[in-house]
Amino acid sequence: MNLIGRVKNILMTPKTEWQVISAEEPNTKQIFMGYVLPLALVPAVASALGWGIFGMGHGSSFAYGLSAGLVTLISAFVGVYLAAFIIDQLAPSFSSQKNMGRAVQLVAYSYTPAWVGGILNIIPVIGWIGGLVALYGLYLLYLGIPPIMKTPQDKTVPYMIVSIVVLLVVYLVVGAVLGMLVFGIFGVSAMTFR
């Protein structure tokens, strides 16, 4: 898998790329190490630099930036795995194929816009724009469900809605728990920024 090509294709020609992905044999380890890791490093490093260096004048610190970067990186791995696990468990309820490898493909590639948009975290004041870019991932999820999870067309929208709710809950819970742990380890408050 060519990382740059996959990113470009999933963002620019998602319908075609989901068909290509559906023909691939899912390799969870390769997806995590060859796709999730390098892409999740983008917002993690941007957050660390943004909050640790550029955000210092706003009540932030180097420890805060490092904590934010670690939470971002760890959340990516845990979030993709948990969301894929839950989506895989939900598959039979929506007449879809239960396949954890396929669920990892669906979630990981749908997260692409969030990771790419995360580069904006380097300037904390505009980092929220990356969140808007991440919304494109919902469309990617919608396009990816039928070919990846073998979902019938009439079940796609309900499966997507339940999946989105799952993704949001997983993201919020994982982020909150990891935030408390990592910020606590570094001895900084997650509420440092005012």
C-alpha atoms as a PDB file:
ATOM      1  CA  MET A   1       0.000   0.000   0.000  1.00  0.00           C
ATOM      2  CA  ASN A   2       1.383   3.383  -1.043  1.00  0.00           C
ATOM      3  CA  LEU A   3       0.569   5.767   1.818  1.00  0.00           C
ATOM      4  CA  ILE A   4       0.523   9.016  -0.173  1.00  0.00           C
ATOM      5  CA  GLY A   5      -1.457   7.432  -3.001  1.00  0.00           C
ATOM      6  CA  ARG A   6      -4.004   5.946  -0.596  1.00  0.00           C
ATOM      7  CA  VAL A   7      -4.461   9.270   1.213  1.00  0.00           C
ATOM      8  CA  LYS A   8      -4.855  11.162  -2.056  1.00  0.00           C
ATOM      9  CA  ASN A   9      -7.254   8.604  -3.511  1.00  0.00           C
ATOM     10  CA  ILE A  10      -9.450   8.209  -0.420  1.00  0.00           C
ATOM     11  CA  LEU A  11      -9.778  12.001  -0.206  1.00  0.00           C
ATOM     12  CA  MET A  12     -10.143  12.805  -3.925  1.00  0.00           C
ATOM     13  CA  THR A  13     -11.797   9.729  -5.473  1.00  0.00           C
ATOM     14  CA  PRO A  14     -13.336   7.860  -2.534  1.00  0.00           C
ATOM     15  CA  LYS A  15     -15.925   5.837  -4.474  1.00  0.00           C
ATOM     16  CA  THR A  16     -13.228   4.346  -6.669  1.00  0.00           C
ATOM     17  CA  GLU A  17     -10.784   3.890  -3.789  1.00  0.00           C
ATOM     18  CA  TRP A  18     -13.318   2.019  -1.623  1.00  0.00           C
ATOM     19  CA  GLN A  19     -13.729  -0.444  -4.500  1.00  0.00           C
ATOM     20  CA  VAL A  20      -9.945  -0.904  -4.619  1.00  0.00           C
ATOM     21  CA  ILE A  21      -9.827  -1.376  -0.838  1.00  0.00           C
ATOM     22  CA  SER A  22     -12.674  -3.908  -0.930  1.00  0.00           C
ATOM     23  CA  ALA A  23     -10.592  -6.058  -3.301  1.00  0.00           C
ATOM     24  CA  GLU A  24      -7.613  -6.058  -0.909  1.00  0.00           C
ATOM     25  CA  GLU A  25      -7.082  -8.662   1.771  1.00  0.00           C
ATOM     26  CA  PRO A  26      -7.273  -6.723   5.069  1.00  0.00           C
ATOM     27  CA  ASN A  27      -4.047  -6.776   7.073  1.00  0.00           C
ATOM     28  CA  THR A  28      -4.750  -5.130  10.426  1.00  0.00           C
ATOM     29  CA  LYS A  29      -1.096  -4.882  11.481  1.00  0.00           C
ATOM     30  CA  GLN A  30      -0.129  -3.267   8.172  1.00  0.00           C
ATOM     31  CA  ILE A  31      -3.017  -0.807   8.390  1.00  0.00           C
ATOM     32  CA  PHE A  32      -2.060   0.231  11.926  1.00  0.00           C
ATOM     33  CA  MET A  33       1.688   0.462  11.332  1.00  0.00           C
ATOM     34  CA  GLY A  34       1.714   1.623   7.713  1.00  0.00           C
ATOM     35  CA  TYR A  35      -1.308   3.910   7.690  1.00  0.00           C
ATOM     36  CA  VAL A  36      -2.662   4.818  11.135  1.00  0.00           C
ATOM     37  CA  LEU A  37       0.754   5.463  12.720  1.00  0.00           C
ATOM     38  CA  PRO A  38       2.190   7.838  10.101  1.00  0.00           C
ATOM     39  CA  LEU A  39      -1.078   9.705   9.664  1.00  0.00           C
ATOM     40  CA  ALA A  40      -1.838   9.911  13.395  1.00  0.00           C
ATOM     41  CA  LEU A  41       1.634  11.375  13.925  1.00  0.00           C
ATOM     42  CA  VAL A  42       0.588  14.434  11.891  1.00  0.00           C
ATOM     43  CA  PRO A  43      -1.933  15.837  14.413  1.00  0.00           C
ATOM     44  CA  ALA A  44       0.061  14.447  17.356  1.00  0.00           C
ATOM     45  CA  VAL A  45       3.240  16.301  16.401  1.00  0.00           C
ATOM     46  CA  ALA A  46       1.223  19.374  15.386  1.00  0.00           C
ATOM     47  CA  SER A  47      -0.541  19.350  18.788  1.00  0.00           C
ATOM     48  CA  ALA A  48       2.738  18.898  20.663  1.00  0.00           C
ATOM     49  CA  LEU A  49       4.352  21.781  18.782  1.00  0.00           C
ATOM     50  CA  GLY A  50       1.260  23.944  18.755  1.00  0.00           C
ATOM     51  CA  TRP A  51       0.444  23.677  22.450  1.00  0.00           C
ATOM     52  CA  GLY A  52       3.990  23.124  23.671  1.00  0.00           C
ATOM     53  CA  ILE A  53       5.740  25.904  21.786  1.00  0.00           C
ATOM     54  CA  PHE A  54       3.359  28.230  19.981  1.00  0.00           C
ATOM     55  CA  GLY A  55       0.603  28.113  22.602  1.00  0.00           C
ATOM     56  CA  MET A  56       2.862  28.930  25.569  1.00  0.00           C
ATOM     57  CA  GLY A  57       1.717  32.530  25.726  1.00  0.00           C
ATOM     58  CA  HIS A  58      -1.838  31.339  26.351  1.00  0.00           C
ATOM     59  CA  GLY A  59      -1.324  29.447  29.596  1.00  0.00           C
ATOM     60  CA  SER A  60       0.180  26.381  27.946  1.00  0.00           C
ATOM     61  CA  SER A  61       3.551  24.710  28.547  1.00  0.00           C
ATOM     62  CA  PHE A  62       5.930  22.226  26.950  1.00  0.00           C
ATOM     63  CA  ALA A  63       4.581  19.468  29.222  1.00  0.00           C
ATOM     64  CA  TYR A  64       1.043  20.380  28.181  1.00  0.00           C
ATOM     65  CA  GLY A  65       2.005  20.199  24.500  1.00  0.00           C
ATOM     66  CA  LEU A  66       3.733  16.847  24.938  1.00  0.00           C
ATOM     67  CA  SER A  67       0.703  15.517  26.823  1.00  0.00           C
ATOM     68  CA  ALA A  68      -1.679  16.757  24.106  1.00  0.00           C
ATOM     69  CA  GLY A  69       0.441  15.106  21.415  1.00  0.00           C
ATOM     70  CA  LEU A  70       0.580  11.775  23.245  1.00  0.00           C
ATOM     71  CA  VAL A  71      -3.159  11.772  23.910  1.00  0.00           C
ATOM     72  CA  THR A  72      -3.769  12.486  20.212  1.00  0.00           C
ATOM     73  CA  LEU A  73      -1.501   9.639  19.082  1.00  0.00           C
ATOM     74  CA  ILE A  74      -2.705   7.030  21.561  1.00  0.00           C
ATOM     75  CA  SER A  75      -6.342   8.015  20.944  1.00  0.00           C
ATOM     76  CA  ALA A  76      -5.893   7.301  17.250  1.00  0.00           C
ATOM     77  CA  PHE A  77      -4.822   3.706  17.865  1.00  0.00           C
ATOM     78  CA  VAL A  78      -7.295   2.941  20.629  1.00  0.00           C
ATOM     79  CA  GLY A  79     -10.107   4.782  18.854  1.00  0.00           C
ATOM     80  CA  VAL A  80      -9.639   2.973  15.540  1.00  0.00           C
ATOM     81  CA  TYR A  81      -9.463  -0.420  17.234  1.00  0.00           C
ATOM     82  CA  LEU A  82     -12.467   0.091  19.531  1.00  0.00           C
ATOM     83  CA  ALA A  83     -14.633   1.681  16.843  1.00  0.00           C
ATOM     84  CA  ALA A  84     -13.766  -1.117  14.402  1.00  0.00           C
ATOM     85  CA  PHE A  85     -14.527  -3.736  17.058  1.00  0.00           C
ATOM     86  CA  ILE A  86     -17.933  -2.244  17.792  1.00  0.00           C
ATOM     87  CA  ILE A  87     -18.771  -1.715  14.105  1.00  0.00           C
ATOM     88  CA  ASP A  88     -17.799  -5.323  13.464  1.00  0.00           C
ATOM     89  CA  GLN A  89     -20.049  -6.498  16.302  1.00  0.00           C
ATOM     90  CA  LEU A  90     -22.939  -4.452  14.882  1.00  0.00           C
ATOM     91  CA  ALA A  91     -22.535  -5.869  11.352  1.00  0.00           C
ATOM     92  CA  PRO A  92     -25.023  -8.769  11.642  1.00  0.00           C
ATOM     93  CA  SER A  93     -27.706  -6.346  12.893  1.00  0.00           C
ATOM     94  CA  PHE A  94     -27.495  -4.541   9.534  1.00  0.00           C
ATOM     95  CA  SER A  95     -27.258  -7.636   7.305  1.00  0.00           C
ATOM     96  CA  SER A  96     -23.560  -6.918   6.865  1.00  0.00           C
ATOM     97  CA  GLN A  97     -20.498  -9.143   6.772  1.00  0.00           C
ATOM     98  CA  LYS A  98     -18.827  -9.555  10.174  1.00  0.00           C
ATOM     99  CA  ASN A  99     -15.105  -9.123   9.531  1.00  0.00           C
ATOM    100  CA  MET A 100     -12.792  -7.287  11.947  1.00  0.00           C
ATOM    101  CA  GLY A 101     -10.150  -6.665   9.271  1.00  0.00           C
ATOM    102  CA  ARG A 102     -12.734  -5.002   7.044  1.00  0.00           C
ATOM    103  CA  ALA A 103     -14.019  -2.924   9.965  1.00  0.00           C
ATOM    104  CA  VAL A 104     -10.452  -1.716  10.639  1.00  0.00           C
ATOM    105  CA  GLN A 105     -10.149  -0.735   6.970  1.00  0.00           C
ATOM    106  CA  LEU A 106     -13.447   1.155   7.140  1.00  0.00           C
ATOM    107  CA  VAL A 107     -12.608   3.080  10.300  1.00  0.00           C
ATOM    108  CA  ALA A 108      -8.937   3.773   9.567  1.00  0.00           C
ATOM    109  CA  TYR A 109      -9.500   5.093   6.061  1.00  0.00           C
ATOM    110  CA  SER A 110     -12.553   7.097   7.160  1.00  0.00           C
ATOM    111  CA  TYR A 111     -10.394   8.872   9.750  1.00  0.00           C
ATOM    112  CA  THR A 112      -8.035  10.154   7.021  1.00  0.00           C
ATOM    113  CA  PRO A 113      -9.470  13.704   6.805  1.00  0.00           C
ATOM    114  CA  ALA A 114      -9.227  14.112  10.591  1.00  0.00           C
ATOM    115  CA  TRP A 115      -5.549  13.190  10.587  1.00  0.00           C
ATOM    116  CA  VAL A 116      -4.721  15.316   7.553  1.00  0.00           C
ATOM    117  CA  GLY A 117      -6.689  18.272   8.949  1.00  0.00           C
ATOM    118  CA  GLY A 118      -4.884  17.783  12.260  1.00  0.00           C
ATOM    119  CA  ILE A 119      -1.863  19.597  10.818  1.00  0.00           C
ATOM    120  CA  LEU A 120      -3.749  22.771  11.729  1.00  0.00           C
ATOM    121  CA  ASN A 121      -3.205  21.954  15.415  1.00  0.00           C
ATOM    122  CA  ILE A 122       0.224  23.503  14.982  1.00  0.00           C
ATOM    123  CA  ILE A 123      -1.526  26.854  15.396  1.00  0.00           C
ATOM    124  CA  PRO A 124      -3.870  26.252  18.339  1.00  0.00           C
ATOM    125  CA  VAL A 125      -6.132  29.188  17.498  1.00  0.00           C
ATOM    126  CA  ILE A 126      -7.120  27.635  14.146  1.00  0.00           C
ATOM    127  CA  GLY A 127      -6.911  23.977  15.176  1.00  0.00           C
ATOM    128  CA  TRP A 128     -10.705  23.784  15.271  1.00  0.00           C
ATOM    129  CA  ILE A 129     -10.755  24.091  11.472  1.00  0.00           C
ATOM    130  CA  GLY A 130      -9.160  20.627  11.373  1.00  0.00           C
ATOM    131  CA  GLY A 131     -12.290  19.401  13.143  1.00  0.00           C
ATOM    132  CA  LEU A 132     -14.385  20.763  10.308  1.00  0.00           C
ATOM    133  CA  VAL A 133     -12.147  18.967   7.798  1.00  0.00           C
ATOM    134  CA  ALA A 134     -12.707  15.776   9.809  1.00  0.00           C
ATOM    135  CA  LEU A 135     -16.429  15.924   9.008  1.00  0.00           C
ATOM    136  CA  TYR A 136     -15.569  14.756   5.491  1.00  0.00           C
ATOM    137  CA  GLY A 137     -14.744  11.434   7.154  1.00  0.00           C
ATOM    138  CA  LEU A 138     -18.457  10.916   7.778  1.00  0.00           C
ATOM    139  CA  TYR A 139     -19.052  11.001   4.028  1.00  0.00           C
ATOM    140  CA  LEU A 140     -16.164   8.575   3.544  1.00  0.00           C
ATOM    141  CA  LEU A 141     -17.735   6.259   6.103  1.00  0.00           C
ATOM    142  CA  TYR A 142     -21.050   6.418   4.250  1.00  0.00           C
ATOM    143  CA  LEU A 143     -19.379   5.557   0.942  1.00  0.00           C
ATOM    144  CA  GLY A 144     -17.251   2.801   2.503  1.00  0.00           C
ATOM    145  CA  ILE A 145     -19.891   0.841   4.386  1.00  0.00           C
ATOM    146  CA  PRO A 146     -21.491  -0.930   1.378  1.00  0.00           C
ATOM    147  CA  PRO A 147     -18.328  -2.187  -0.361  1.00  0.00           C
ATOM    148  CA  ILE A 148     -16.284  -2.868   2.781  1.00  0.00           C
ATOM    149  CA  MET A 149     -18.882  -4.351   5.130  1.00  0.00           C
ATOM    150  CA  LYS A 150     -21.031  -5.794   2.295  1.00  0.00           C
ATOM    151  CA  THR A 151     -24.028  -3.851   3.579  1.00  0.00           C
ATOM    152  CA  PRO A 152     -27.261  -3.808   1.545  1.00  0.00           C
ATOM    153  CA  GLN A 153     -28.168  -0.345   0.258  1.00  0.00           C
ATOM    154  CA  ASP A 154     -31.313  -0.082   2.411  1.00  0.00           C
ATOM    155  CA  LYS A 155     -29.267  -0.756   5.575  1.00  0.00           C
ATOM    156  CA  THR A 156     -26.408   1.657   4.778  1.00  0.00           C
ATOM    157  CA  VAL A 157     -27.877   4.817   6.325  1.00  0.00           C
ATOM    158  CA  PRO A 158     -29.011   3.189   9.599  1.00  0.00           C
ATOM    159  CA  TYR A 159     -25.654   1.386   9.907  1.00  0.00           C
ATOM    160  CA  MET A 160     -23.839   4.658   9.227  1.00  0.00           C
ATOM    161  CA  ILE A 161     -25.875   6.564  11.827  1.00  0.00           C
ATOM    162  CA  VAL A 162     -25.260   3.943  14.509  1.00  0.00           C
ATOM    163  CA  SER A 163     -21.582   3.804  13.480  1.00  0.00           C
ATOM    164  CA  ILE A 164     -21.236   7.598  13.751  1.00  0.00           C
ATOM    165  CA  VAL A 165     -22.762   7.551  17.224  1.00  0.00           C
ATOM    166  CA  VAL A 166     -20.333   4.764  18.162  1.00  0.00           C
ATOM    167  CA  LEU A 167     -17.368   6.685  16.710  1.00  0.00           C
ATOM    168  CA  LEU A 168     -18.296   9.850  18.602  1.00  0.00           C
ATOM    169  CA  VAL A 169     -18.805   8.037  21.901  1.00  0.00           C
ATOM    170  CA  VAL A 170     -15.544   6.077  21.483  1.00  0.00           C
ATOM    171  CA  TYR A 171     -13.651   9.249  20.591  1.00  0.00           C
ATOM    172  CA  LEU A 172     -15.001  11.188  23.582  1.00  0.00           C
ATOM    173  CA  VAL A 173     -14.532   8.395  26.133  1.00  0.00           C
ATOM    174  CA  VAL A 174     -11.057   7.390  24.929  1.00  0.00           C
ATOM    175  CA  GLY A 175      -9.953  11.030  24.751  1.00  0.00           C
ATOM    176  CA  ALA A 176     -11.233  11.782  28.249  1.00  0.00           C
ATOM    177  CA  VAL A 177      -9.692   8.702  29.875  1.00  0.00           C
ATOM    178  CA  LEU A 178      -6.349   9.051  28.095  1.00  0.00           C
ATOM    179  CA  GLY A 179      -6.329  12.771  28.771  1.00  0.00           C
ATOM    180  CA  MET A 180      -6.697  12.219  32.504  1.00  0.00           C
ATOM    181  CA  LEU A 181      -3.995   9.549  32.526  1.00  0.00           C
ATOM    182  CA  VAL A 182      -1.410  11.270  30.327  1.00  0.00           C
ATOM    183  CA  PHE A 183      -1.921  14.792  31.673  1.00  0.00           C
ATOM    184  CA  GLY A 184      -1.736  13.319  35.194  1.00  0.00           C
ATOM    185  CA  ILE A 185       1.551  11.548  34.410  1.00  0.00           C
ATOM    186  CA  PHE A 186       3.069  14.819  33.194  1.00  0.00           C
ATOM    187  CA  GLY A 187       1.608  16.707  36.146  1.00  0.00           C
ATOM    188  CA  VAL A 188      -0.317  19.229  34.103  1.00  0.00           C
ATOM    189  CA  SER A 189      -3.956  20.071  34.118  1.00  0.00           C
ATOM    190  CA  ALA A 190      -5.960  19.394  30.980  1.00  0.00           C
ATOM    191  CA  MET A 191      -7.658  22.689  31.784  1.00  0.00           C
ATOM    192  CA  THR A 192      -4.404  24.703  31.613  1.00  0.00           C
ATOM    193  CA  PHE A 193      -5.501  26.524  28.481  1.00  0.00           C
ATOM    194  CA  ARG A 194      -7.738  29.484  29.248  1.00  0.00           C
END
